[in-house]
C-alpha atoms as a PDB file:
ATOM      1  CA  UNK A   1      22.315   4.432  17.332  1.00  0.00           C
ATOM      2  CA  UNK A   2      24.072   5.103  20.632  1.00  0.00           C
ATOM      3  CA  UNK A   3      22.484   6.725  23.677  1.00  0.00           C
ATOM      4  CA  UNK A   4      23.872   7.904  26.998  1.00  0.00           C
ATOM      5  CA  UNK A   5      22.267   5.803  29.710  1.00  0.00           C
ATOM      6  CA  UNK A   6      22.342   8.355  32.511  1.00  0.00           C
ATOM      7  CA  UNK A   7      18.914   9.744  33.457  1.00  0.00           C
ATOM      8  CA  UNK A   8      18.442  12.206  36.338  1.00  0.00           C
ATOM      9  CA  UNK A   9      21.924  11.352  37.588  1.00  0.00           C
ATOM     10  CA  UNK A  10      21.300   7.593  37.611  1.00  0.00           C
ATOM     11  CA  UNK A  11      23.235   5.257  35.323  1.00  0.00           C
ATOM     12  CA  UNK A  12      20.650   2.809  34.000  1.00  0.00           C
ATOM     13  CA  UNK A  13      21.291  -0.846  33.220  1.00  0.00           C
ATOM     14  CA  UNK A  14      19.309  -2.091  30.224  1.00  0.00           C
ATOM     15  CA  UNK A  15      18.271  -5.484  28.957  1.00  0.00           C
ATOM     16  CA  UNK A  16      16.474  -6.677  25.841  1.00  0.00           C
ATOM     17  CA  UNK A  17      12.766  -6.552  26.650  1.00  0.00           C
ATOM     18  CA  UNK A  18      12.047  -9.156  23.976  1.00  0.00           C
ATOM     19  CA  UNK A  19       9.036  -7.578  22.309  1.00  0.00           C
ATOM     20  CA  UNK A  20       8.831  -5.376  19.238  1.00  0.00           C
ATOM     21  CA  UNK A  21       7.176  -1.973  19.174  1.00  0.00           C
ATOM     22  CA  UNK A  22       6.410  -0.532  15.753  1.00  0.00           C
ATOM     23  CA  UNK A  23       8.485  -3.418  14.410  1.00  0.00           C
ATOM     24  CA  UNK A  24      11.668  -2.423  16.270  1.00  0.00           C
ATOM     25  CA  UNK A  25      13.287  -3.832  19.399  1.00  0.00           C
ATOM     26  CA  UNK A  26      12.606  -2.588  22.909  1.00  0.00           C
ATOM     27  CA  UNK A  27      14.719  -2.478  26.075  1.00  0.00           C
ATOM     28  CA  UNK A  28      13.817  -2.458  29.766  1.00  0.00           C
ATOM     29  CA  UNK A  29      15.731  -0.740  32.544  1.00  0.00           C
ATOM     30  CA  UNK A  30      16.479  -2.817  35.632  1.00  0.00           C
ATOM     31  CA  UNK A  31      15.758  -0.101  38.183  1.00  0.00           C
ATOM     32  CA  UNK A  32      12.200   0.807  37.205  1.00  0.00           C
ATOM     33  CA  UNK A  33      11.133  -1.921  34.788  1.00  0.00           C
ATOM     34  CA  UNK A  34      10.179   0.706  32.212  1.00  0.00           C
ATOM     35  CA  UNK A  35      10.128  -0.311  28.550  1.00  0.00           C
ATOM     36  CA  UNK A  36      12.138   1.796  26.090  1.00  0.00           C
ATOM     37  CA  UNK A  37      11.999   2.201  22.314  1.00  0.00           C
ATOM     38  CA  UNK A  38      15.407   1.549  20.782  1.00  0.00           C
ATOM     39  CA  UNK A  39      15.155   3.962  17.794  1.00  0.00           C
ATOM     40  CA  UNK A  40      13.702   6.795  19.876  1.00  0.00           C
ATOM     41  CA  UNK A  41      15.650   6.178  23.076  1.00  0.00           C
ATOM     42  CA  UNK A  42      12.396   6.980  24.873  1.00  0.00           C
ATOM     43  CA  UNK A  43      10.521   5.154  27.628  1.00  0.00           C
ATOM     44  CA  UNK A  44       7.159   4.073  26.236  1.00  0.00           C
ATOM     45  CA  UNK A  45       5.738   2.171  29.232  1.00  0.00           C
ATOM     46  CA  UNK A  46       6.323   2.122  32.985  1.00  0.00           C
ATOM     47  CA  UNK A  47       7.327   4.751  35.562  1.00  0.00           C
ATOM     48  CA  UNK A  48       9.794   6.479  33.244  1.00  0.00           C
ATOM     49  CA  UNK A  49       7.326   6.900  30.355  1.00  0.00           C
ATOM     50  CA  UNK A  50       8.195   9.973  28.299  1.00  0.00           C
ATOM     51  CA  UNK A  51      11.789  10.264  29.475  1.00  0.00           C
ATOM     52  CA  UNK A  52      14.417  10.239  26.733  1.00  0.00           C
ATOM     53  CA  UNK A  53      18.052   9.253  26.558  1.00  0.00           C
ATOM     54  CA  UNK A  54      20.568  11.608  24.986  1.00  0.00           C
ATOM     55  CA  UNK A  55      21.566  10.546  21.462  1.00  0.00           C
ATOM     56  CA  UNK A  56      25.318  10.779  20.874  1.00  0.00           C
ATOM     57  CA  UNK A  57      27.232  10.774  17.566  1.00  0.00           C
ATOM     58  CA  UNK A  58      27.869   7.320  16.172  1.00  0.00           C
ATOM     59  CA  UNK A  59      28.094   5.727  12.761  1.00  0.00           C
ATOM     60  CA  UNK A  60      26.738   2.688  10.937  1.00  0.00           C
ATOM     61  CA  UNK A  61      29.398   1.750   8.423  1.00  0.00           C
ATOM     62  CA  UNK A  62      31.467  -1.167   7.212  1.00  0.00           C
ATOM     63  CA  UNK A  63      34.205  -2.639   9.399  1.00  0.00           C
ATOM     64  CA  UNK A  64      36.698  -2.076   6.573  1.00  0.00           C
ATOM     65  CA  UNK A  65      35.944   1.634   6.361  1.00  0.00           C
ATOM     66  CA  UNK A  66      35.993   2.060  10.119  1.00  0.00           C
ATOM     67  CA  UNK A  67      39.380   0.346  10.453  1.00  0.00           C
ATOM     68  CA  UNK A  68      40.863   2.531   7.712  1.00  0.00           C
ATOM     69  CA  UNK A  69      39.799   5.658   9.564  1.00  0.00           C
ATOM     70  CA  UNK A  70      40.524   4.310  13.070  1.00  0.00           C
ATOM     71  CA  UNK A  71      43.233   1.628  12.748  1.00  0.00           C
ATOM     72  CA  UNK A  72      43.773   1.286  16.517  1.00  0.00           C
ATOM     73  CA  UNK A  73      40.169   0.216  17.136  1.00  0.00           C
ATOM     74  CA  UNK A  74      39.502  -2.960  19.131  1.00  0.00           C
ATOM     75  CA  UNK A  75      36.183  -4.717  18.533  1.00  0.00           C
ATOM     76  CA  UNK A  76      34.331  -7.458  20.316  1.00  0.00           C
ATOM     77  CA  UNK A  77      33.367  -9.054  17.018  1.00  0.00           C
ATOM     78  CA  UNK A  78      33.442  -8.143  13.327  1.00  0.00           C
ATOM     79  CA  UNK A  79      31.208 -10.722  11.625  1.00  0.00           C
ATOM     80  CA  UNK A  80      30.626  -8.831   8.375  1.00  0.00           C
ATOM     81  CA  UNK A  81      27.169  -7.576   7.467  1.00  0.00           C
ATOM     82  CA  UNK A  82      24.538  -9.428   9.552  1.00  0.00           C
ATOM     83  CA  UNK A  83      21.680  -7.307   8.195  1.00  0.00           C
ATOM     84  CA  UNK A  84      21.857  -8.519   4.609  1.00  0.00           C
ATOM     85  CA  UNK A  85      21.457  -4.907   3.447  1.00  0.00           C
ATOM     86  CA  UNK A  86      23.824  -2.530   1.726  1.00  0.00           C
ATOM     87  CA  UNK A  87      24.426   0.813   3.424  1.00  0.00           C
ATOM     88  CA  UNK A  88      22.698   2.452   0.444  1.00  0.00           C
ATOM     89  CA  UNK A  89      19.437   0.860   1.619  1.00  0.00           C
ATOM     90  CA  UNK A  90      19.330   3.144   4.659  1.00  0.00           C
ATOM     91  CA  UNK A  91      18.269   6.643   5.567  1.00  0.00           C
ATOM     92  CA  UNK A  92      20.371   8.948   7.732  1.00  0.00           C
ATOM     93  CA  UNK A  93      17.975  10.493  10.252  1.00  0.00           C
ATOM     94  CA  UNK A  94      18.556  13.843  11.949  1.00  0.00           C
ATOM     95  CA  UNK A  95      16.130  14.052  14.868  1.00  0.00           C
ATOM     96  CA  UNK A  96      15.943  17.238  16.937  1.00  0.00           C
ATOM     97  CA  UNK A  97      12.737  16.121  18.697  1.00  0.00           C
ATOM     98  CA  UNK A  98      10.653  19.015  17.340  1.00  0.00           C
ATOM     99  CA  UNK A  99      11.599  18.107  13.768  1.00  0.00           C
ATOM    100  CA  UNK A 100      13.151  15.084  12.089  1.00  0.00           C
ATOM    101  CA  UNK A 101      14.410  14.685   8.538  1.00  0.00           C
ATOM    102  CA  UNK A 102      15.705  11.655   6.653  1.00  0.00           C
ATOM    103  CA  UNK A 103      18.331  11.563   3.890  1.00  0.00           C
ATOM    104  CA  UNK A 104      18.573   8.560   1.584  1.00  0.00           C
ATOM    105  CA  UNK A 105      22.159   7.346   1.398  1.00  0.00           C
ATOM    106  CA  UNK A 106      21.478   6.302  -2.195  1.00  0.00           C
ATOM    107  CA  UNK A 107      20.812   9.989  -3.015  1.00  0.00           C
ATOM    108  CA  UNK A 108      23.881  11.132  -1.104  1.00  0.00           C
ATOM    109  CA  UNK A 109      26.071   8.756  -3.090  1.00  0.00           C
ATOM    110  CA  UNK A 110      25.149  10.712  -6.201  1.00  0.00           C
ATOM    111  CA  UNK A 111      25.721  14.203  -4.809  1.00  0.00           C
ATOM    112  CA  UNK A 112      28.076  13.688  -1.847  1.00  0.00           C
ATOM    113  CA  UNK A 113      26.569  16.149   0.624  1.00  0.00           C
ATOM    114  CA  UNK A 114      23.491  18.153   1.572  1.00  0.00           C
ATOM    115  CA  UNK A 115      23.284  21.638   3.077  1.00  0.00           C
ATOM    116  CA  UNK A 116      20.017  21.832   4.981  1.00  0.00           C
ATOM    117  CA  UNK A 117      18.274  23.338   7.990  1.00  0.00           C
ATOM    118  CA  UNK A 118      16.432  21.142  10.503  1.00  0.00           C
ATOM    119  CA  UNK A 119      14.488  22.683  13.388  1.00  0.00           C
ATOM    120  CA  UNK A 120      16.260  25.956  12.654  1.00  0.00           C
ATOM    121  CA  UNK A 121      19.715  24.341  12.875  1.00  0.00           C
ATOM    122  CA  UNK A 122      21.927  24.608   9.754  1.00  0.00           C
ATOM    123  CA  UNK A 123      23.313  21.108   9.108  1.00  0.00           C
ATOM    124  CA  UNK A 124      25.531  19.378   6.569  1.00  0.00           C
ATOM    125  CA  UNK A 125      25.038  15.694   5.796  1.00  0.00           C
ATOM    126  CA  UNK A 126      28.245  14.488   4.202  1.00  0.00           C
ATOM    127  CA  UNK A 127      29.467  11.274   2.646  1.00  0.00           C
ATOM    128  CA  UNK A 128      33.248  10.999   2.788  1.00  0.00           C
ATOM    129  CA  UNK A 129      34.320  11.718  -0.825  1.00  0.00           C
ATOM    130  CA  UNK A 130      37.109   9.159  -0.435  1.00  0.00           C
ATOM    131  CA  UNK A 131      34.864   6.384   0.889  1.00  0.00           C
ATOM    132  CA  UNK A 132      31.089   6.363   0.539  1.00  0.00           C
ATOM    133  CA  UNK A 133      30.779   3.845   3.361  1.00  0.00           C
ATOM    134  CA  UNK A 134      31.476   6.700   5.814  1.00  0.00           C
ATOM    135  CA  UNK A 135      29.012   9.466   6.576  1.00  0.00           C
ATOM    136  CA  UNK A 136      28.843  12.387   8.982  1.00  0.00           C
ATOM    137  CA  UNK A 137      26.391  15.039  10.104  1.00  0.00           C
ATOM    138  CA  UNK A 138      27.888  18.397  11.064  1.00  0.00           C
ATOM    139  CA  UNK A 139      26.494  21.702  12.237  1.00  0.00           C
ATOM    140  CA  UNK A 140      27.260  24.554   9.815  1.00  0.00           C
ATOM    141  CA  UNK A 141      27.792  27.221  12.473  1.00  0.00           C
ATOM    142  CA  UNK A 142      31.468  27.462  13.462  1.00  0.00           C
ATOM    143  CA  UNK A 143      33.295  29.609  15.999  1.00  0.00           C
ATOM    144  CA  UNK A 144      36.055  31.546  14.281  1.00  0.00           C
ATOM    145  CA  UNK A 145      37.956  34.305  16.053  1.00  0.00           C
ATOM    146  CA  UNK A 146      35.126  34.653  18.539  1.00  0.00           C
ATOM    147  CA  UNK A 147      32.444  35.039  15.885  1.00  0.00           C
ATOM    148  CA  UNK A 148      29.750  32.623  14.757  1.00  0.00           C
ATOM    149  CA  UNK A 149      30.154  31.893  11.042  1.00  0.00           C
ATOM    150  CA  UNK A 150      27.639  29.917   8.972  1.00  0.00           C
ATOM    151  CA  UNK A 151      29.217  27.926   6.151  1.00  0.00           C
ATOM    152  CA  UNK A 152      27.756  26.389   3.013  1.00  0.00           C
ATOM    153  CA  UNK A 153      29.697  23.369   1.839  1.00  0.00           C
ATOM    154  CA  UNK A 154      30.455  22.194  -1.690  1.00  0.00           C
ATOM    155  CA  UNK A 155      32.183  19.064  -2.931  1.00  0.00           C
ATOM    156  CA  UNK A 156      35.648  19.571  -4.430  1.00  0.00           C
ATOM    157  CA  UNK A 157      37.149  16.265  -5.544  1.00  0.00           C
ATOM    158  CA  UNK A 158      37.920  14.297  -2.378  1.00  0.00           C
ATOM    159  CA  UNK A 159      37.550  17.296  -0.080  1.00  0.00           C
ATOM    160  CA  UNK A 160      34.775  19.669   0.925  1.00  0.00           C
ATOM    161  CA  UNK A 161      34.998  23.457   0.798  1.00  0.00           C
ATOM    162  CA  UNK A 162      32.823  26.278   1.976  1.00  0.00           C
ATOM    163  CA  UNK A 163      31.515  28.693  -0.609  1.00  0.00           C
ATOM    164  CA  UNK A 164      32.253  31.998   1.097  1.00  0.00           C
ATOM    165  CA  UNK A 165      35.848  31.582   2.265  1.00  0.00           C
ATOM    166  CA  UNK A 166      37.119  28.742   0.081  1.00  0.00           C
ATOM    167  CA  UNK A 167      38.462  26.975   3.175  1.00  0.00           C
ATOM    168  CA  UNK A 168      39.015  23.221   2.820  1.00  0.00           C
ATOM    169  CA  UNK A 169      37.490  20.899   5.410  1.00  0.00           C
ATOM    170  CA  UNK A 170      38.458  17.362   6.348  1.00  0.00           C
ATOM    171  CA  UNK A 171      35.260  15.286   5.899  1.00  0.00           C
ATOM    172  CA  UNK A 172      36.477  12.791   8.509  1.00  0.00           C
ATOM    173  CA  UNK A 173      36.966  15.265  11.362  1.00  0.00           C
ATOM    174  CA  UNK A 174      35.068  18.379  10.285  1.00  0.00           C
ATOM    175  CA  UNK A 175      38.155  20.558  10.782  1.00  0.00           C
ATOM    176  CA  UNK A 176      39.213  23.278   8.331  1.00  0.00           C
ATOM    177  CA  UNK A 177      42.697  22.283   7.137  1.00  0.00           C
ATOM    178  CA  UNK A 178      43.487  25.395   5.109  1.00  0.00           C
ATOM    179  CA  UNK A 179      42.060  28.751   4.067  1.00  0.00           C
ATOM    180  CA  UNK A 180      40.784  31.661   6.155  1.00  0.00           C
ATOM    181  CA  UNK A 181      38.898  29.349   8.551  1.00  0.00           C
ATOM    182  CA  UNK A 182      41.836  26.980   9.109  1.00  0.00           C
ATOM    183  CA  UNK A 183      41.642  25.363  12.549  1.00  0.00           C
ATOM    184  CA  UNK A 184      37.890  25.892  12.968  1.00  0.00           C
ATOM    185  CA  UNK A 185      35.751  22.837  13.647  1.00  0.00           C
ATOM    186  CA  UNK A 186      32.325  21.884  12.358  1.00  0.00           C
ATOM    187  CA  UNK A 187      30.452  20.484  15.399  1.00  0.00           C
ATOM    188  CA  UNK A 188      29.600  16.803  14.977  1.00  0.00           C
ATOM    189  CA  UNK A 189      25.861  16.252  15.444  1.00  0.00           C
ATOM    190  CA  UNK A 190      24.149  13.050  16.559  1.00  0.00           C
ATOM    191  CA  UNK A 191      22.254  11.160  13.866  1.00  0.00           C
ATOM    192  CA  UNK A 192      21.162   7.592  13.251  1.00  0.00           C
ATOM    193  CA  UNK A 193      20.336   5.219  10.440  1.00  0.00           C
ATOM    194  CA  UNK A 194      16.904   3.814   9.643  1.00  0.00           C
ATOM    195  CA  UNK A 195      15.402   1.482   7.102  1.00  0.00           C
ATOM    196  CA  UNK A 196      13.461   3.772   4.748  1.00  0.00           C
ATOM    197  CA  UNK A 197      10.467   1.521   4.341  1.00  0.00           C
ATOM    198  CA  UNK A 198      11.898  -1.697   5.213  1.00  0.00           C
ATOM    199  CA  UNK A 199      13.939  -3.932   7.323  1.00  0.00           C
ATOM    200  CA  UNK A 200      13.394  -7.653   6.903  1.00  0.00           C
ATOM    201  CA  UNK A 201       9.606  -7.320   7.263  1.00  0.00           C
ATOM    202  CA  UNK A 202       9.329  -4.289   4.949  1.00  0.00           C
ATOM    203  CA  UNK A 203       7.535  -2.278   7.633  1.00  0.00           C
ATOM    204  CA  UNK A 204       7.759   1.521   7.217  1.00  0.00           C
ATOM    205  CA  UNK A 205      10.280   2.151  10.006  1.00  0.00           C
ATOM    206  CA  UNK A 206      10.886   5.871   9.410  1.00  0.00           C
ATOM    207  CA  UNK A 207       7.197   6.653   8.936  1.00  0.00           C
ATOM    208  CA  UNK A 208       6.305   4.639  12.043  1.00  0.00           C
ATOM    209  CA  UNK A 209       8.686   6.408  14.410  1.00  0.00           C
ATOM    210  CA  UNK A 210       8.701   9.876  12.895  1.00  0.00           C
ATOM    211  CA  UNK A 211       5.191  10.256  11.434  1.00  0.00           C
ATOM    212  CA  UNK A 212       5.629  14.021  11.132  1.00  0.00           C
ATOM    213  CA  UNK A 213       9.144  13.743   9.767  1.00  0.00           C
ATOM    214  CA  UNK A 214      10.130  14.674   6.232  1.00  0.00           C
ATOM    215  CA  UNK A 215      12.376  13.031   3.670  1.00  0.00           C
ATOM    216  CA  UNK A 216      14.891  15.243   1.904  1.00  0.00           C
ATOM    217  CA  UNK A 217      14.785  14.962  -1.887  1.00  0.00           C
ATOM    218  CA  UNK A 218      17.410  16.086  -4.425  1.00  0.00           C
ATOM    219  CA  UNK A 219      16.746  19.625  -5.570  1.00  0.00           C
ATOM    220  CA  UNK A 220      15.676  20.980  -2.196  1.00  0.00           C
ATOM    221  CA  UNK A 221      17.727  22.544   0.582  1.00  0.00           C
ATOM    222  CA  UNK A 222      17.391  24.728   3.662  1.00  0.00           C
END
């Protein structure tokens, strides 16, 4: 996950705090000494306790898939897969603070996408039909001709379409490439990946950090 490190107008400098909290790493910020939870982006001890960093869109994927989509990328290091896990071992977590929901990538590989609503926000969780190592979370409310339009997506070969208009959407960018909504953009939403019940120690990571969260199962939506 990736967080903005500006809080109350101050750009924070973080270091690895060295301890685990709920079996996940913690940071500390140099200005206040507060300790922060990495998965939550929230200060859990010290003067900044309760403050949260803004989560921004990012993606856990393979280096191969990333380079195919973004060939001009420069990277500090590309050592392969240091986790020892396949991407299918993970959940995609949509966390809107008041409600969080997890989507098993292994389920998404069978169906390709999910139309859902989290904390009242219509979302689409999409695996790229052309490469299941890439995933995206989009909002399903788009601005078209000055009007808010809610779309419901379906998988159509290696593209995605919305049911009502038949417009085709690029799963990589979230832009409608043809049809009545051509040129409209699905807003990219921040999300993160989590071990479902695991990690190297098999601790229940999702349950530990989002105890009131829910796990989406095939056959349910909205």
